Amino acid sequence: MVFGADKVPEIARGLAKGMRTLKDATNDIKNEITKSAEKNGLDSSITKEIGDNLKKVKDDLEDFTGSVKRKL
């Protein structure tokens, strides 16, 4: 993809905001699952699996944004 130099900061801010939103949502989801599992006496180890999957998504996004940053 090719963007004009004037659009790069805007794109970077958008990506950073999206990553922050994803991280916040991830933490909220993990907390809700853990609370619900503990409340119902269930094994909360599922939160580790969910966390691992979400970390993979985060790592993939960081790989992508890293390549964008390198091209600046």
N, C-alpha and C. Protein backbone atom coordinates (compact mmCIF):
# COMPACT_ATOMS: atom_id res chain seq x y z
N MET A 1 0.84 -1.17 0.00
CA MET A 1 0.00 0.00 0.00
C MET A 1 0.89 1.24 0.00
N VAL A 2 0.40 2.23 -0.67
CA VAL A 2 1.15 3.48 -0.73
C VAL A 2 0.27 4.59 -0.18
N PHE A 3 0.84 5.35 0.76
CA PHE A 3 0.13 6.48 1.35
C PHE A 3 1.01 7.71 1.20
N GLY A 4 0.36 8.85 1.11
CA GLY A 4 1.11 10.09 1.09
C GLY A 4 1.72 10.34 2.46
N ALA A 5 2.80 11.10 2.47
CA ALA A 5 3.49 11.39 3.73
C ALA A 5 2.58 12.07 4.74
N ASP A 6 1.62 12.83 4.26
CA ASP A 6 0.72 13.53 5.18
C ASP A 6 -0.27 12.58 5.86
N LYS A 7 -0.48 11.41 5.31
CA LYS A 7 -1.43 10.44 5.88
C LYS A 7 -0.78 9.48 6.87
N VAL A 8 0.52 9.34 6.84
CA VAL A 8 1.22 8.36 7.68
C VAL A 8 0.97 8.60 9.17
N PRO A 9 1.12 9.82 9.69
CA PRO A 9 0.86 10.02 11.13
C PRO A 9 -0.58 9.69 11.51
N GLU A 10 -1.51 10.02 10.64
CA GLU A 10 -2.92 9.72 10.91
C GLU A 10 -3.15 8.21 10.95
N ILE A 11 -2.54 7.49 10.05
CA ILE A 11 -2.67 6.03 10.02
C ILE A 11 -2.03 5.42 11.26
N ALA A 12 -0.86 5.91 11.64
CA ALA A 12 -0.16 5.40 12.83
C ALA A 12 -1.00 5.65 14.09
N ARG A 13 -1.60 6.82 14.20
CA ARG A 13 -2.46 7.11 15.36
C ARG A 13 -3.65 6.18 15.38
N GLY A 14 -4.24 5.94 14.23
CA GLY A 14 -5.38 5.04 14.15
C GLY A 14 -5.02 3.62 14.57
N LEU A 15 -3.86 3.15 14.11
CA LEU A 15 -3.41 1.81 14.50
C LEU A 15 -3.13 1.73 15.99
N ALA A 16 -2.49 2.75 16.54
CA ALA A 16 -2.19 2.76 17.98
C ALA A 16 -3.47 2.78 18.79
N LYS A 17 -4.43 3.57 18.36
CA LYS A 17 -5.72 3.64 19.06
C LYS A 17 -6.43 2.28 18.99
N GLY A 18 -6.38 1.65 17.84
CA GLY A 18 -7.00 0.33 17.68
C GLY A 18 -6.34 -0.71 18.56
N MET A 19 -5.02 -0.67 18.66
CA MET A 19 -4.30 -1.61 19.53
C MET A 19 -4.65 -1.37 20.99
N ARG A 20 -4.77 -0.12 21.41
CA ARG A 20 -5.13 0.20 22.79
C ARG A 20 -6.55 -0.31 23.08
N THR A 21 -7.45 -0.09 22.15
CA THR A 21 -8.83 -0.56 22.32
C THR A 21 -8.87 -2.08 22.42
N LEU A 22 -8.09 -2.75 21.59
CA LEU A 22 -8.03 -4.21 21.61
C LEU A 22 -7.48 -4.69 22.96
N LYS A 23 -6.44 -4.05 23.45
CA LYS A 23 -5.86 -4.45 24.73
C LYS A 23 -6.86 -4.26 25.86
N ASP A 24 -7.54 -3.12 25.87
CA ASP A 24 -8.55 -2.87 26.91
C ASP A 24 -9.68 -3.89 26.85
N ALA A 25 -10.14 -4.17 25.64
CA ALA A 25 -11.22 -5.14 25.48
C ALA A 25 -10.77 -6.53 25.92
N THR A 26 -9.54 -6.88 25.61
CA THR A 26 -8.98 -8.17 26.01
C THR A 26 -8.98 -8.30 27.53
N ASN A 27 -8.51 -7.28 28.20
CA ASN A 27 -8.47 -7.32 29.66
C ASN A 27 -9.87 -7.41 30.25
N ASP A 28 -10.82 -6.67 29.68
CA ASP A 28 -12.21 -6.73 30.16
C ASP A 28 -12.79 -8.13 30.00
N ILE A 29 -12.54 -8.73 28.84
CA ILE A 29 -13.07 -10.07 28.57
C ILE A 29 -12.47 -11.08 29.55
N LYS A 30 -11.15 -11.03 29.72
CA LYS A 30 -10.51 -11.97 30.64
C LYS A 30 -11.03 -11.80 32.06
N ASN A 31 -11.20 -10.56 32.50
CA ASN A 31 -11.70 -10.32 33.85
C ASN A 31 -13.12 -10.84 34.03
N GLU A 32 -13.97 -10.61 33.05
CA GLU A 32 -15.36 -11.09 33.13
C GLU A 32 -15.43 -12.61 33.15
N ILE A 33 -14.63 -13.25 32.32
CA ILE A 33 -14.63 -14.72 32.28
C ILE A 33 -14.14 -15.27 33.61
N THR A 34 -13.07 -14.69 34.13
CA THR A 34 -12.52 -15.15 35.40
C THR A 34 -13.52 -14.97 36.53
N LYS A 35 -14.13 -13.80 36.60
CA LYS A 35 -15.13 -13.54 37.66
C LYS A 35 -16.29 -14.51 37.57
N SER A 36 -16.79 -14.70 36.35
CA SER A 36 -17.93 -15.59 36.16
C SER A 36 -17.57 -17.04 36.51
N ALA A 37 -16.39 -17.47 36.10
CA ALA A 37 -15.96 -18.84 36.40
C ALA A 37 -15.80 -19.04 37.90
N GLU A 38 -15.17 -18.08 38.56
CA GLU A 38 -14.98 -18.21 40.01
C GLU A 38 -16.32 -18.18 40.75
N LYS A 39 -17.22 -17.34 40.28
CA LYS A 39 -18.54 -17.23 40.91
C LYS A 39 -19.31 -18.54 40.81
N ASN A 40 -19.14 -19.23 39.67
CA ASN A 40 -19.86 -20.48 39.44
C ASN A 40 -19.04 -21.72 39.79
N GLY A 41 -17.87 -21.52 40.39
CA GLY A 41 -17.05 -22.65 40.80
C GLY A 41 -16.45 -23.42 39.65
N LEU A 42 -16.22 -22.76 38.54
CA LEU A 42 -15.66 -23.43 37.37
C LEU A 42 -14.16 -23.19 37.28
N ASP A 43 -13.49 -24.03 36.51
CA ASP A 43 -12.06 -23.88 36.27
C ASP A 43 -11.85 -22.65 35.39
N SER A 44 -11.06 -21.74 35.85
CA SER A 44 -10.84 -20.50 35.10
C SER A 44 -9.60 -20.57 34.21
N SER A 45 -9.07 -21.76 33.99
CA SER A 45 -7.88 -21.90 33.14
C SER A 45 -8.18 -21.52 31.69
N ILE A 46 -9.46 -21.46 31.33
CA ILE A 46 -9.82 -21.06 29.97
C ILE A 46 -9.34 -19.65 29.68
N THR A 47 -9.23 -18.83 30.71
CA THR A 47 -8.76 -17.46 30.49
C THR A 47 -7.33 -17.45 29.98
N LYS A 48 -6.52 -18.42 30.38
CA LYS A 48 -5.15 -18.49 29.86
C LYS A 48 -5.16 -18.77 28.37
N GLU A 49 -6.01 -19.69 27.94
CA GLU A 49 -6.10 -20.01 26.52
C GLU A 49 -6.58 -18.80 25.72
N ILE A 50 -7.58 -18.12 26.25
CA ILE A 50 -8.09 -16.92 25.58
C ILE A 50 -7.00 -15.85 25.54
N GLY A 51 -6.30 -15.69 26.64
CA GLY A 51 -5.20 -14.72 26.70
C GLY A 51 -4.11 -15.04 25.68
N ASP A 52 -3.79 -16.32 25.55
CA ASP A 52 -2.78 -16.73 24.57
C ASP A 52 -3.22 -16.40 23.15
N ASN A 53 -4.50 -16.67 22.85
CA ASN A 53 -5.01 -16.36 21.51
C ASN A 53 -5.01 -14.86 21.25
N LEU A 54 -5.40 -14.10 22.24
CA LEU A 54 -5.42 -12.65 22.07
C LEU A 54 -4.00 -12.08 21.96
N LYS A 55 -3.05 -12.69 22.66
CA LYS A 55 -1.66 -12.25 22.55
C LYS A 55 -1.15 -12.49 21.14
N LYS A 56 -1.56 -13.60 20.53
CA LYS A 56 -1.15 -13.88 19.15
C LYS A 56 -1.68 -12.81 18.21
N VAL A 57 -2.93 -12.42 18.40
CA VAL A 57 -3.50 -11.36 17.57
C VAL A 57 -2.73 -10.06 17.77
N LYS A 58 -2.43 -9.75 19.03
CA LYS A 58 -1.68 -8.54 19.34
C LYS A 58 -0.30 -8.58 18.68
N ASP A 59 0.38 -9.73 18.78
CA ASP A 59 1.70 -9.87 18.16
C ASP A 59 1.62 -9.68 16.64
N ASP A 60 0.58 -10.24 16.03
CA ASP A 60 0.40 -10.07 14.58
C ASP A 60 0.20 -8.61 14.23
N LEU A 61 -0.58 -7.89 15.04
CA LEU A 61 -0.79 -6.46 14.79
C LEU A 61 0.51 -5.69 14.97
N GLU A 62 1.28 -6.05 15.98
CA GLU A 62 2.56 -5.35 16.19
C GLU A 62 3.52 -5.62 15.04
N ASP A 63 3.51 -6.84 14.49
CA ASP A 63 4.34 -7.14 13.33
C ASP A 63 3.95 -6.24 12.16
N PHE A 64 2.64 -6.08 11.97
CA PHE A 64 2.16 -5.25 10.87
C PHE A 64 2.52 -3.78 11.10
N THR A 65 2.27 -3.28 12.29
CA THR A 65 2.56 -1.87 12.54
C THR A 65 4.06 -1.62 12.54
N GLY A 66 4.85 -2.61 12.92
CA GLY A 66 6.30 -2.46 12.85
C GLY A 66 6.76 -2.27 11.42
N SER A 67 6.16 -3.00 10.50
CA SER A 67 6.53 -2.85 9.09
C SER A 67 6.10 -1.49 8.57
N VAL A 68 4.99 -0.96 9.08
CA VAL A 68 4.55 0.38 8.67
C VAL A 68 5.52 1.41 9.20
N LYS A 69 5.94 1.27 10.47
CA LYS A 69 6.87 2.21 11.08
C LYS A 69 8.21 2.22 10.35
N ARG A 70 8.68 1.04 9.95
CA ARG A 70 9.97 0.95 9.27
C ARG A 70 9.94 1.67 7.93
N LYS A 71 8.77 1.76 7.32
CA LYS A 71 8.67 2.39 5.99
C LYS A 71 8.51 3.90 6.10
N LEU A 72 8.37 4.42 7.32
CA LEU A 72 8.26 5.86 7.49
C LEU A 72 9.54 6.46 7.19
